[in-house]
C-alpha atoms as a PDB file:
ATOM      1  CA  MET A   1     251.587 143.688 -23.598  1.00  0.00           C
ATOM      2  CA  ALA A   2     249.067 144.883 -20.806  1.00  0.00           C
ATOM      3  CA  GLN A   3     245.865 142.514 -21.259  1.00  0.00           C
ATOM      4  CA  PRO A   4     242.751 144.401 -22.610  1.00  0.00           C
ATOM      5  CA  LYS A   5     240.602 145.392 -19.723  1.00  0.00           C
ATOM      6  CA  ARG A   6     236.905 143.977 -19.894  1.00  0.00           C
ATOM      7  CA  VAL A   7     233.929 145.483 -18.098  1.00  0.00           C
ATOM      8  CA  ALA A   8     230.786 142.959 -18.114  1.00  0.00           C
ATOM      9  CA  PHE A   9     227.071 144.384 -18.650  1.00  0.00           C
ATOM     10  CA  ASP A  10     223.992 143.235 -18.643  1.00  0.00           C
ATOM     11  CA  HIS A  11     223.581 141.072 -21.930  1.00  0.00           C
ATOM     12  CA  GLU A  12     220.036 142.048 -22.223  1.00  0.00           C
ATOM     13  CA  LEU A  13     220.507 145.559 -22.193  1.00  0.00           C
ATOM     14  CA  PRO A  14     220.482 147.658 -25.102  1.00  0.00           C
ATOM     15  CA  ILE A  15     223.808 149.196 -26.247  1.00  0.00           C
ATOM     16  CA  ASP A  16     225.374 152.564 -27.705  1.00  0.00           C
ATOM     17  CA  ILE A  17     228.009 153.702 -29.426  1.00  0.00           C
ATOM     18  CA  ALA A  18     230.106 155.813 -26.850  1.00  0.00           C
ATOM     19  CA  LYS A  19     229.696 159.690 -27.107  1.00  0.00           C
ATOM     20  CA  TYR A  20     232.409 161.363 -28.628  1.00  0.00           C
ATOM     21  CA  PHE A  21     232.688 158.061 -31.184  1.00  0.00           C
ATOM     22  CA  ARG A  22     231.544 157.661 -34.553  1.00  0.00           C
ATOM     23  CA  PHE A  23     231.504 154.135 -36.253  1.00  0.00           C
ATOM     24  CA  GLN A  24     231.325 154.124 -40.510  1.00  0.00           C
ATOM     25  CA  TRP A  25     233.590 152.120 -43.245  1.00  0.00           C
ATOM     26  CA  GLU A  26     237.069 154.470 -43.777  1.00  0.00           C
ATOM     27  CA  PRO A  27     238.225 153.237 -47.517  1.00  0.00           C
ATOM     28  CA  ALA A  28     241.724 154.116 -46.871  1.00  0.00           C
ATOM     29  CA  GLN A  29     241.479 151.549 -44.154  1.00  0.00           C
ATOM     30  CA  ASP A  30     239.475 149.158 -45.843  1.00  0.00           C
ATOM     31  CA  CYS A  31     237.908 148.443 -42.523  1.00  0.00           C
ATOM     32  CA  HIS A  32     234.746 150.182 -40.538  1.00  0.00           C
ATOM     33  CA  VAL A  33     236.683 152.359 -38.027  1.00  0.00           C
ATOM     34  CA  LEU A  34     235.657 153.833 -34.735  1.00  0.00           C
ATOM     35  CA  LEU A  35     236.911 157.502 -35.338  1.00  0.00           C
ATOM     36  CA  PHE A  36     237.390 160.174 -31.926  1.00  0.00           C
ATOM     37  CA  PRO A  37     238.659 163.265 -31.701  1.00  0.00           C
ATOM     38  CA  GLU A  38     242.276 161.847 -30.847  1.00  0.00           C
ATOM     39  CA  GLY A  39     242.256 159.332 -33.498  1.00  0.00           C
ATOM     40  CA  MET A  40     240.464 156.601 -34.687  1.00  0.00           C
ATOM     41  CA  VAL A  41     240.590 152.290 -33.650  1.00  0.00           C
ATOM     42  CA  GLN A  42     240.668 149.758 -36.881  1.00  0.00           C
ATOM     43  CA  LEU A  43     237.871 147.282 -36.714  1.00  0.00           C
ATOM     44  CA  PRO A  44     238.434 144.642 -39.628  1.00  0.00           C
ATOM     45  CA  GLY A  45     236.312 141.608 -40.282  1.00  0.00           C
ATOM     46  CA  SER A  46     234.611 139.970 -37.109  1.00  0.00           C
ATOM     47  CA  ALA A  47     235.101 143.621 -35.470  1.00  0.00           C
ATOM     48  CA  GLY A  48     233.267 145.187 -37.527  1.00  0.00           C
ATOM     49  CA  GLU A  49     230.688 143.065 -37.938  1.00  0.00           C
ATOM     50  CA  ILE A  50     229.953 142.905 -34.465  1.00  0.00           C
ATOM     51  CA  MET A  51     229.756 146.981 -34.250  1.00  0.00           C
ATOM     52  CA  LYS A  52     227.321 147.738 -37.185  1.00  0.00           C
ATOM     53  CA  ARG A  53     225.197 146.223 -35.316  1.00  0.00           C
ATOM     54  CA  VAL A  54     225.452 148.305 -32.043  1.00  0.00           C
ATOM     55  CA  ASP A  55     222.910 150.789 -32.758  1.00  0.00           C
ATOM     56  CA  GLY A  56     221.121 151.765 -29.278  1.00  0.00           C
ATOM     57  CA  THR A  57     218.472 149.302 -29.851  1.00  0.00           C
ATOM     58  CA  ARG A  58     219.952 145.654 -29.616  1.00  0.00           C
ATOM     59  CA  SER A  59     221.235 144.009 -26.451  1.00  0.00           C
ATOM     60  CA  LEU A  60     224.404 141.737 -26.774  1.00  0.00           C
ATOM     61  CA  ASN A  61     222.066 138.387 -27.022  1.00  0.00           C
ATOM     62  CA  ALA A  62     220.206 140.142 -29.766  1.00  0.00           C
ATOM     63  CA  ILE A  63     223.520 140.757 -31.477  1.00  0.00           C
ATOM     64  CA  VAL A  64     224.839 137.131 -30.582  1.00  0.00           C
ATOM     65  CA  THR A  65     221.229 135.758 -32.118  1.00  0.00           C
ATOM     66  CA  GLU A  66     221.957 138.122 -35.582  1.00  0.00           C
ATOM     67  CA  LEU A  67     225.076 137.433 -35.936  1.00  0.00           C
ATOM     68  CA  GLU A  68     225.142 133.398 -35.415  1.00  0.00           C
ATOM     69  CA  ALA A  69     221.962 133.612 -38.253  1.00  0.00           C
ATOM     70  CA  ALA A  70     223.601 135.808 -40.486  1.00  0.00           C
ATOM     71  CA  PHE A  71     227.387 132.842 -40.146  1.00  0.00           C
ATOM     72  CA  PRO A  72     225.943 129.663 -38.913  1.00  0.00           C
ATOM     73  CA  GLY A  73     228.064 126.794 -37.511  1.00  0.00           C
ATOM     74  CA  VAL A  74     230.918 129.463 -36.680  1.00  0.00           C
ATOM     75  CA  PRO A  75     232.330 128.061 -33.136  1.00  0.00           C
ATOM     76  CA  ASP A  76     232.700 129.809 -30.371  1.00  0.00           C
ATOM     77  CA  LEU A  77     230.530 133.125 -31.829  1.00  0.00           C
ATOM     78  CA  ARG A  78     229.450 133.858 -28.782  1.00  0.00           C
ATOM     79  CA  ALA A  79     232.386 133.756 -26.841  1.00  0.00           C
ATOM     80  CA  ASP A  80     234.395 135.501 -29.389  1.00  0.00           C
ATOM     81  CA  VAL A  81     231.283 138.159 -29.280  1.00  0.00           C
ATOM     82  CA  VAL A  82     231.066 138.468 -25.501  1.00  0.00           C
ATOM     83  CA  ASP A  83     234.835 139.173 -25.114  1.00  0.00           C
ATOM     84  CA  PHE A  84     235.203 141.791 -27.755  1.00  0.00           C
ATOM     85  CA  LEU A  85     231.839 143.322 -26.346  1.00  0.00           C
ATOM     86  CA  GLU A  86     233.172 143.562 -22.851  1.00  0.00           C
ATOM     87  CA  VAL A  87     236.694 144.852 -24.097  1.00  0.00           C
ATOM     88  CA  ALA A  88     235.216 147.721 -26.065  1.00  0.00           C
ATOM     89  CA  HIS A  89     233.087 148.369 -23.064  1.00  0.00           C
ATOM     90  CA  GLY A  90     236.288 148.456 -20.899  1.00  0.00           C
ATOM     91  CA  ASN A  91     238.125 150.485 -23.829  1.00  0.00           C
ATOM     92  CA  GLY A  92     234.731 153.270 -23.219  1.00  0.00           C
ATOM     93  CA  TRP A  93     233.964 152.537 -26.709  1.00  0.00           C
ATOM     94  CA  ILE A  94     230.343 151.524 -26.098  1.00  0.00           C
ATOM     95  CA  ARG A  95     228.048 151.766 -23.079  1.00  0.00           C
ATOM     96  CA  PRO A  96     225.331 149.807 -22.140  1.00  0.00           C
ATOM     97  CA  ARG A  97     221.590 151.561 -22.030  1.00  0.00           C
ATOM     98  CA  ALA A  98     219.940 151.976 -18.510  1.00  0.00           C
ATOM     99  CA  ALA A  99     216.928 150.056 -18.008  1.00  0.00           C
ATOM    100  CA  GLN A 100     213.546 152.658 -19.211  1.00  0.00           C
END
């Protein structure tokens, strides 16, 4: 299987869910999902916790800070969040907002 495409971005820029995607809780899947015209991406567990905070106002660094406060003592939390969000960016699910 091919490795997921990771695309780095500025960790200080606010990030938002990309156009044509909608984030929501899906009871039938028992997890958060990203809906788009061609389908759905399931986001169980920590992926859903991360994406809950992608709202166009928080940066990657702010999301990490918030998750560290909510889940103290989780090893490698920052690295996991960076990995997930860079893959999400590579898949086109999120986009950094340009500096204002």
